[in-house]
Amino acid sequence: MEVRTMEIEVRRSACEGHGLCEQTAPEVYELDDEDYVRLRVSEIPESLQVAAAAGARVCPVAALRVRD
């Protein structure tokens, strides 16, 4: 069985700290002390890929991009 890999590109310069990604997928995203998004995991396991993609989609400023 092939494991699907996923990478999330974080554009910190675009982040405005809305936190919708963190609300949607707290296992994947968090806001740092300066209210910029960062990933909680270095590799997105298959079990979190749906949540990670959903968190990226809700970003109102497109600071997150999913790469398969």
PDB file of N, CA and C in Angstrom:
ATOM      1  N   MET A   1       0.845  -1.180   0.000  1.00  0.00           N
ATOM      2  CA  MET A   1       0.000   0.000   0.000  1.00  0.00           C
ATOM      3  C   MET A   1       0.887   1.239   0.000  1.00  0.00           C
ATOM      4  N   GLU A   2       0.560   2.167  -0.868  1.00  0.00           N
ATOM      5  CA  GLU A   2       1.327   3.407  -0.970  1.00  0.00           C
ATOM      6  C   GLU A   2       0.813   4.428   0.047  1.00  0.00           C
ATOM      7  N   VAL A   3       1.728   5.034   0.770  1.00  0.00           N
ATOM      8  CA  VAL A   3       1.367   6.070   1.742  1.00  0.00           C
ATOM      9  C   VAL A   3       1.439   7.420   1.050  1.00  0.00           C
ATOM     10  N   ARG A   4       0.346   8.134   1.101  1.00  0.00           N
ATOM     11  CA  ARG A   4       0.281   9.457   0.482  1.00  0.00           C
ATOM     12  C   ARG A   4       0.973  10.464   1.388  1.00  0.00           C
ATOM     13  N   THR A   5       1.922  11.198   0.833  1.00  0.00           N
ATOM     14  CA  THR A   5       2.623  12.199   1.624  1.00  0.00           C
ATOM     15  C   THR A   5       1.995  13.570   1.389  1.00  0.00           C
ATOM     16  N   MET A   6       2.097  14.399   2.372  1.00  0.00           N
ATOM     17  CA  MET A   6       1.557  15.752   2.287  1.00  0.00           C
ATOM     18  C   MET A   6       2.525  16.703   2.953  1.00  0.00           C
ATOM     19  N   GLU A   7       2.656  17.844   2.356  1.00  0.00           N
ATOM     20  CA  GLU A   7       3.506  18.894   2.906  1.00  0.00           C
ATOM     21  C   GLU A   7       2.664  20.161   2.956  1.00  0.00           C
ATOM     22  N   ILE A   8       2.806  20.922   4.009  1.00  0.00           N
ATOM     23  CA  ILE A   8       2.120  22.203   4.139  1.00  0.00           C
ATOM     24  C   ILE A   8       3.164  23.310   4.038  1.00  0.00           C
ATOM     25  N   GLU A   9       2.957  24.209   3.106  1.00  0.00           N
ATOM     26  CA  GLU A   9       3.822  25.378   2.978  1.00  0.00           C
ATOM     27  C   GLU A   9       3.220  26.498   3.826  1.00  0.00           C
ATOM     28  N   VAL A  10       4.006  27.024   4.742  1.00  0.00           N
ATOM     29  CA  VAL A  10       3.566  28.114   5.614  1.00  0.00           C
ATOM     30  C   VAL A  10       4.225  29.400   5.144  1.00  0.00           C
ATOM     31  N   ARG A  11       3.388  30.362   4.764  1.00  0.00           N
ATOM     32  CA  ARG A  11       3.911  31.677   4.368  1.00  0.00           C
ATOM     33  C   ARG A  11       3.708  32.616   5.556  1.00  0.00           C
ATOM     34  N   ARG A  12       4.682  32.628   6.428  1.00  0.00           N
ATOM     35  CA  ARG A  12       4.605  33.420   7.655  1.00  0.00           C
ATOM     36  C   ARG A  12       4.356  34.905   7.367  1.00  0.00           C
ATOM     37  N   SER A  13       4.939  35.412   6.294  1.00  0.00           N
ATOM     38  CA  SER A  13       4.783  36.831   5.965  1.00  0.00           C
ATOM     39  C   SER A  13       3.333  37.176   5.607  1.00  0.00           C
ATOM     40  N   ALA A  14       2.554  36.196   5.191  1.00  0.00           N
ATOM     41  CA  ALA A  14       1.147  36.439   4.841  1.00  0.00           C
ATOM     42  C   ALA A  14       0.213  36.260   6.036  1.00  0.00           C
ATOM     43  N   CYS A  15       0.663  35.560   7.064  1.00  0.00           N
ATOM     44  CA  CYS A  15      -0.189  35.248   8.212  1.00  0.00           C
ATOM     45  C   CYS A  15      -0.581  36.518   8.973  1.00  0.00           C
ATOM     46  N   GLU A  16      -1.867  36.605   9.279  1.00  0.00           N
ATOM     47  CA  GLU A  16      -2.378  37.734  10.062  1.00  0.00           C
ATOM     48  C   GLU A  16      -2.869  37.301  11.447  1.00  0.00           C
ATOM     49  N   GLY A  17      -2.668  36.043  11.794  1.00  0.00           N
ATOM     50  CA  GLY A  17      -2.994  35.566  13.137  1.00  0.00           C
ATOM     51  C   GLY A  17      -4.474  35.370  13.413  1.00  0.00           C
ATOM     52  N   HIS A  18      -5.268  35.094  12.408  1.00  0.00           N
ATOM     53  CA  HIS A  18      -6.704  34.867  12.623  1.00  0.00           C
ATOM     54  C   HIS A  18      -6.964  33.617  13.460  1.00  0.00           C
ATOM     55  N   GLY A  19      -6.128  32.599  13.304  1.00  0.00           N
ATOM     56  CA  GLY A  19      -6.242  31.388  14.114  1.00  0.00           C
ATOM     57  C   GLY A  19      -7.283  30.388  13.655  1.00  0.00           C
ATOM     58  N   LEU A  20      -7.879  30.591  12.490  1.00  0.00           N
ATOM     59  CA  LEU A  20      -8.884  29.651  12.013  1.00  0.00           C
ATOM     60  C   LEU A  20      -8.276  28.286  11.719  1.00  0.00           C
ATOM     61  N   CYS A  21      -7.043  28.268  11.259  1.00  0.00           N
ATOM     62  CA  CYS A  21      -6.359  26.994  11.008  1.00  0.00           C
ATOM     63  C   CYS A  21      -6.221  26.208  12.308  1.00  0.00           C
ATOM     64  N   GLU A  22      -5.828  26.891  13.361  1.00  0.00           N
ATOM     65  CA  GLU A  22      -5.650  26.248  14.665  1.00  0.00           C
ATOM     66  C   GLU A  22      -6.987  25.760  15.213  1.00  0.00           C
ATOM     67  N   GLN A  23      -8.040  26.532  15.026  1.00  0.00           N
ATOM     68  CA  GLN A  23      -9.368  26.111  15.485  1.00  0.00           C
ATOM     69  C   GLN A  23      -9.851  24.882  14.722  1.00  0.00           C
ATOM     70  N   THR A  24      -9.529  24.817  13.435  1.00  0.00           N
ATOM     71  CA  THR A  24      -9.970  23.723  12.584  1.00  0.00           C
ATOM     72  C   THR A  24      -9.141  22.460  12.794  1.00  0.00           C
ATOM     73  N   ALA A  25      -7.846  22.612  12.965  1.00  0.00           N
ATOM     74  CA  ALA A  25      -6.945  21.453  13.089  1.00  0.00           C
ATOM     75  C   ALA A  25      -5.889  21.710  14.159  1.00  0.00           C
ATOM     76  N   PRO A  26      -6.269  21.712  15.435  1.00  0.00           N
ATOM     77  CA  PRO A  26      -5.312  22.023  16.497  1.00  0.00           C
ATOM     78  C   PRO A  26      -4.192  20.999  16.638  1.00  0.00           C
ATOM     79  N   GLU A  27      -4.367  19.820  16.052  1.00  0.00           N
ATOM     80  CA  GLU A  27      -3.312  18.813  16.103  1.00  0.00           C
ATOM     81  C   GLU A  27      -2.185  19.155  15.131  1.00  0.00           C
ATOM     82  N   VAL A  28      -2.480  20.032  14.179  1.00  0.00           N
ATOM     83  CA  VAL A  28      -1.530  20.349  13.109  1.00  0.00           C
ATOM     84  C   VAL A  28      -0.963  21.762  13.240  1.00  0.00           C
ATOM     85  N   TYR A  29      -1.829  22.728  13.562  1.00  0.00           N
ATOM     86  CA  TYR A  29      -1.439  24.151  13.558  1.00  0.00           C
ATOM     87  C   TYR A  29      -1.535  24.760  14.946  1.00  0.00           C
ATOM     88  N   GLU A  30      -0.683  25.754  15.185  1.00  0.00           N
ATOM     89  CA  GLU A  30      -0.772  26.568  16.392  1.00  0.00           C
ATOM     90  C   GLU A  30      -0.231  27.949  16.072  1.00  0.00           C
ATOM     91  N   LEU A  31      -0.637  28.912  16.859  1.00  0.00           N
ATOM     92  CA  LEU A  31      -0.087  30.262  16.726  1.00  0.00           C
ATOM     93  C   LEU A  31       1.025  30.419  17.742  1.00  0.00           C
ATOM     94  N   ASP A  32       2.128  31.016  17.318  1.00  0.00           N
ATOM     95  CA  ASP A  32       3.245  31.212  18.231  1.00  0.00           C
ATOM     96  C   ASP A  32       3.002  32.444  19.105  1.00  0.00           C
ATOM     97  N   ASP A  33       3.990  32.827  19.872  1.00  0.00           N
ATOM     98  CA  ASP A  33       3.854  33.953  20.800  1.00  0.00           C
ATOM     99  C   ASP A  33       3.604  35.279  20.099  1.00  0.00           C
ATOM    100  N   GLU A  34       3.925  35.345  18.812  1.00  0.00           N
ATOM    101  CA  GLU A  34       3.699  36.572  18.039  1.00  0.00           C
ATOM    102  C   GLU A  34       2.451  36.463  17.156  1.00  0.00           C
ATOM    103  N   ASP A  35       1.649  35.416  17.394  1.00  0.00           N
ATOM    104  CA  ASP A  35       0.418  35.153  16.637  1.00  0.00           C
ATOM    105  C   ASP A  35       0.643  34.858  15.162  1.00  0.00           C
ATOM    106  N   TYR A  36       1.718  34.163  14.862  1.00  0.00           N
ATOM    107  CA  TYR A  36       1.971  33.652  13.515  1.00  0.00           C
ATOM    108  C   TYR A  36       1.781  32.143  13.544  1.00  0.00           C
ATOM    109  N   VAL A  37       1.235  31.621  12.474  1.00  0.00           N
ATOM    110  CA  VAL A  37       0.994  30.185  12.400  1.00  0.00           C
ATOM    111  C   VAL A  37       2.306  29.417  12.301  1.00  0.00           C
ATOM    112  N   ARG A  38       2.324  28.241  12.920  1.00  0.00           N
ATOM    113  CA  ARG A  38       3.420  27.303  12.749  1.00  0.00           C
ATOM    114  C   ARG A  38       2.835  25.895  12.841  1.00  0.00           C
ATOM    115  N   LEU A  39       3.562  24.968  12.279  1.00  0.00           N
ATOM    116  CA  LEU A  39       3.125  23.579  12.306  1.00  0.00           C
ATOM    117  C   LEU A  39       3.513  22.939  13.628  1.00  0.00           C
ATOM    118  N   ARG A  40       2.617  22.153  14.176  1.00  0.00           N
ATOM    119  CA  ARG A  40       2.898  21.420  15.413  1.00  0.00           C
ATOM    120  C   ARG A  40       3.662  20.126  15.130  1.00  0.00           C
ATOM    121  N   VAL A  41       3.635  19.672  13.887  1.00  0.00           N
ATOM    122  CA  VAL A  41       4.290  18.427  13.493  1.00  0.00           C
ATOM    123  C   VAL A  41       5.211  18.690  12.308  1.00  0.00           C
ATOM    124  N   SER A  42       6.325  17.990  12.245  1.00  0.00           N
ATOM    125  CA  SER A  42       7.247  18.193  11.128  1.00  0.00           C
ATOM    126  C   SER A  42       6.795  17.426   9.889  1.00  0.00           C
ATOM    127  N   GLU A  43       6.154  16.286  10.095  1.00  0.00           N
ATOM    128  CA  GLU A  43       5.596  15.502   9.006  1.00  0.00           C
ATOM    129  C   GLU A  43       4.125  15.260   9.309  1.00  0.00           C
ATOM    130  N   ILE A  44       3.289  15.406   8.304  1.00  0.00           N
ATOM    131  CA  ILE A  44       1.848  15.242   8.503  1.00  0.00           C
ATOM    132  C   ILE A  44       1.500  13.768   8.290  1.00  0.00           C
ATOM    133  N   PRO A  45       1.143  13.059   9.363  1.00  0.00           N
ATOM    134  CA  PRO A  45       0.782  11.657   9.188  1.00  0.00           C
ATOM    135  C   PRO A  45      -0.532  11.533   8.411  1.00  0.00           C
ATOM    136  N   GLU A  46      -0.728  10.402   7.799  1.00  0.00           N
ATOM    137  CA  GLU A  46      -1.928  10.182   6.995  1.00  0.00           C
ATOM    138  C   GLU A  46      -3.198  10.428   7.806  1.00  0.00           C
ATOM    139  N   SER A  47      -3.169  10.107   9.083  1.00  0.00           N
ATOM    140  CA  SER A  47      -4.350  10.277   9.934  1.00  0.00           C
ATOM    141  C   SER A  47      -4.736  11.743  10.143  1.00  0.00           C
ATOM    142  N   LEU A  48      -3.817  12.685   9.883  1.00  0.00           N
ATOM    143  CA  LEU A  48      -4.097  14.113  10.073  1.00  0.00           C
ATOM    144  C   LEU A  48      -4.195  14.887   8.760  1.00  0.00           C
ATOM    145  N   GLN A  49      -4.070  14.216   7.632  1.00  0.00           N
ATOM    146  CA  GLN A  49      -4.033  14.921   6.358  1.00  0.00           C
ATOM    147  C   GLN A  49      -5.351  15.613   6.006  1.00  0.00           C
ATOM    148  N   VAL A  50      -6.469  15.013   6.319  1.00  0.00           N
ATOM    149  CA  VAL A  50      -7.761  15.653   6.033  1.00  0.00           C
ATOM    150  C   VAL A  50      -7.901  16.916   6.880  1.00  0.00           C
ATOM    151  N   ALA A  51      -7.554  16.834   8.156  1.00  0.00           N
ATOM    152  CA  ALA A  51      -7.624  17.998   9.045  1.00  0.00           C
ATOM    153  C   ALA A  51      -6.646  19.083   8.609  1.00  0.00           C
ATOM    154  N   ALA A  52      -5.442  18.690   8.210  1.00  0.00           N
ATOM    155  CA  ALA A  52      -4.437  19.663   7.770  1.00  0.00           C
ATOM    156  C   ALA A  52      -4.923  20.419   6.544  1.00  0.00           C
ATOM    157  N   ALA A  53      -5.504  19.708   5.590  1.00  0.00           N
ATOM    158  CA  ALA A  53      -6.027  20.353   4.382  1.00  0.00           C
ATOM    159  C   ALA A  53      -7.183  21.288   4.723  1.00  0.00           C
ATOM    160  N   ALA A  54      -8.050  20.879   5.623  1.00  0.00           N
ATOM    161  CA  ALA A  54      -9.179  21.724   6.029  1.00  0.00           C
ATOM    162  C   ALA A  54      -8.680  22.993   6.709  1.00  0.00           C
ATOM    163  N   GLY A  55      -7.672  22.863   7.562  1.00  0.00           N
ATOM    164  CA  GLY A  55      -7.103  24.025   8.231  1.00  0.00           C
ATOM    165  C   GLY A  55      -6.484  25.007   7.253  1.00  0.00           C
ATOM    166  N   ALA A  56      -5.843  24.493   6.223  1.00  0.00           N
ATOM    167  CA  ALA A  56      -5.243  25.358   5.199  1.00  0.00           C
ATOM    168  C   ALA A  56      -6.326  26.078   4.400  1.00  0.00           C
ATOM    169  N   ARG A  57      -7.415  25.373   4.082  1.00  0.00           N
ATOM    170  CA  ARG A  57      -8.493  25.975   3.288  1.00  0.00           C
ATOM    171  C   ARG A  57      -9.191  27.137   3.993  1.00  0.00           C
ATOM    172  N   VAL A  58      -9.291  27.099   5.312  1.00  0.00           N
ATOM    173  CA  VAL A  58     -10.026  28.153   6.016  1.00  0.00           C
ATOM    174  C   VAL A  58      -9.218  29.422   6.243  1.00  0.00           C
ATOM    175  N   CYS A  59      -7.956  29.401   5.910  1.00  0.00           N
ATOM    176  CA  CYS A  59      -7.122  30.594   6.097  1.00  0.00           C
ATOM    177  C   CYS A  59      -7.623  31.720   5.190  1.00  0.00           C
ATOM    178  N   PRO A  60      -8.062  32.838   5.765  1.00  0.00           N
ATOM    179  CA  PRO A  60      -8.611  33.922   4.945  1.00  0.00           C
ATOM    180  C   PRO A  60      -7.587  34.692   4.123  1.00  0.00           C
ATOM    181  N   VAL A  61      -6.303  34.490   4.406  1.00  0.00           N
ATOM    182  CA  VAL A  61      -5.266  35.213   3.664  1.00  0.00           C
ATOM    183  C   VAL A  61      -4.340  34.285   2.890  1.00  0.00           C
ATOM    184  N   ALA A  62      -4.723  33.023   2.784  1.00  0.00           N
ATOM    185  CA  ALA A  62      -3.979  32.024   2.017  1.00  0.00           C
ATOM    186  C   ALA A  62      -2.517  31.920   2.460  1.00  0.00           C
ATOM    187  N   ALA A  63      -2.291  31.911   3.754  1.00  0.00           N
ATOM    188  CA  ALA A  63      -0.931  31.779   4.280  1.00  0.00           C
ATOM    189  C   ALA A  63      -0.461  30.326   4.302  1.00  0.00           C
ATOM    190  N   LEU A  64      -1.374  29.391   4.031  1.00  0.00           N
ATOM    191  CA  LEU A  64      -1.059  27.971   4.062  1.00  0.00           C
ATOM    192  C   LEU A  64      -1.385  27.352   2.706  1.00  0.00           C
ATOM    193  N   ARG A  65      -0.480  26.505   2.240  1.00  0.00           N
ATOM    194  CA  ARG A  65      -0.703  25.827   0.961  1.00  0.00           C
ATOM    195  C   ARG A  65      -0.381  24.357   1.122  1.00  0.00           C
ATOM    196  N   VAL A  66      -1.287  23.495   0.655  1.00  0.00           N
ATOM    197  CA  VAL A  66      -1.084  22.061   0.699  1.00  0.00           C
ATOM    198  C   VAL A  66      -0.318  21.630  -0.543  1.00  0.00           C
ATOM    199  N   ARG A  67       0.696  20.813  -0.312  1.00  0.00           N
ATOM    200  CA  ARG A  67       1.473  20.239  -1.418  1.00  0.00           C
ATOM    201  C   ARG A  67       1.450  18.728  -1.255  1.00  0.00           C
ATOM    202  N   ASP A  68       0.973  18.053  -2.264  1.00  0.00           N
ATOM    203  CA  ASP A  68       0.929  16.574  -2.248  1.00  0.00           C
ATOM    204  C   ASP A  68       2.145  16.017  -2.925  1.00  0.00           C
TER     205      ASP A  68
END
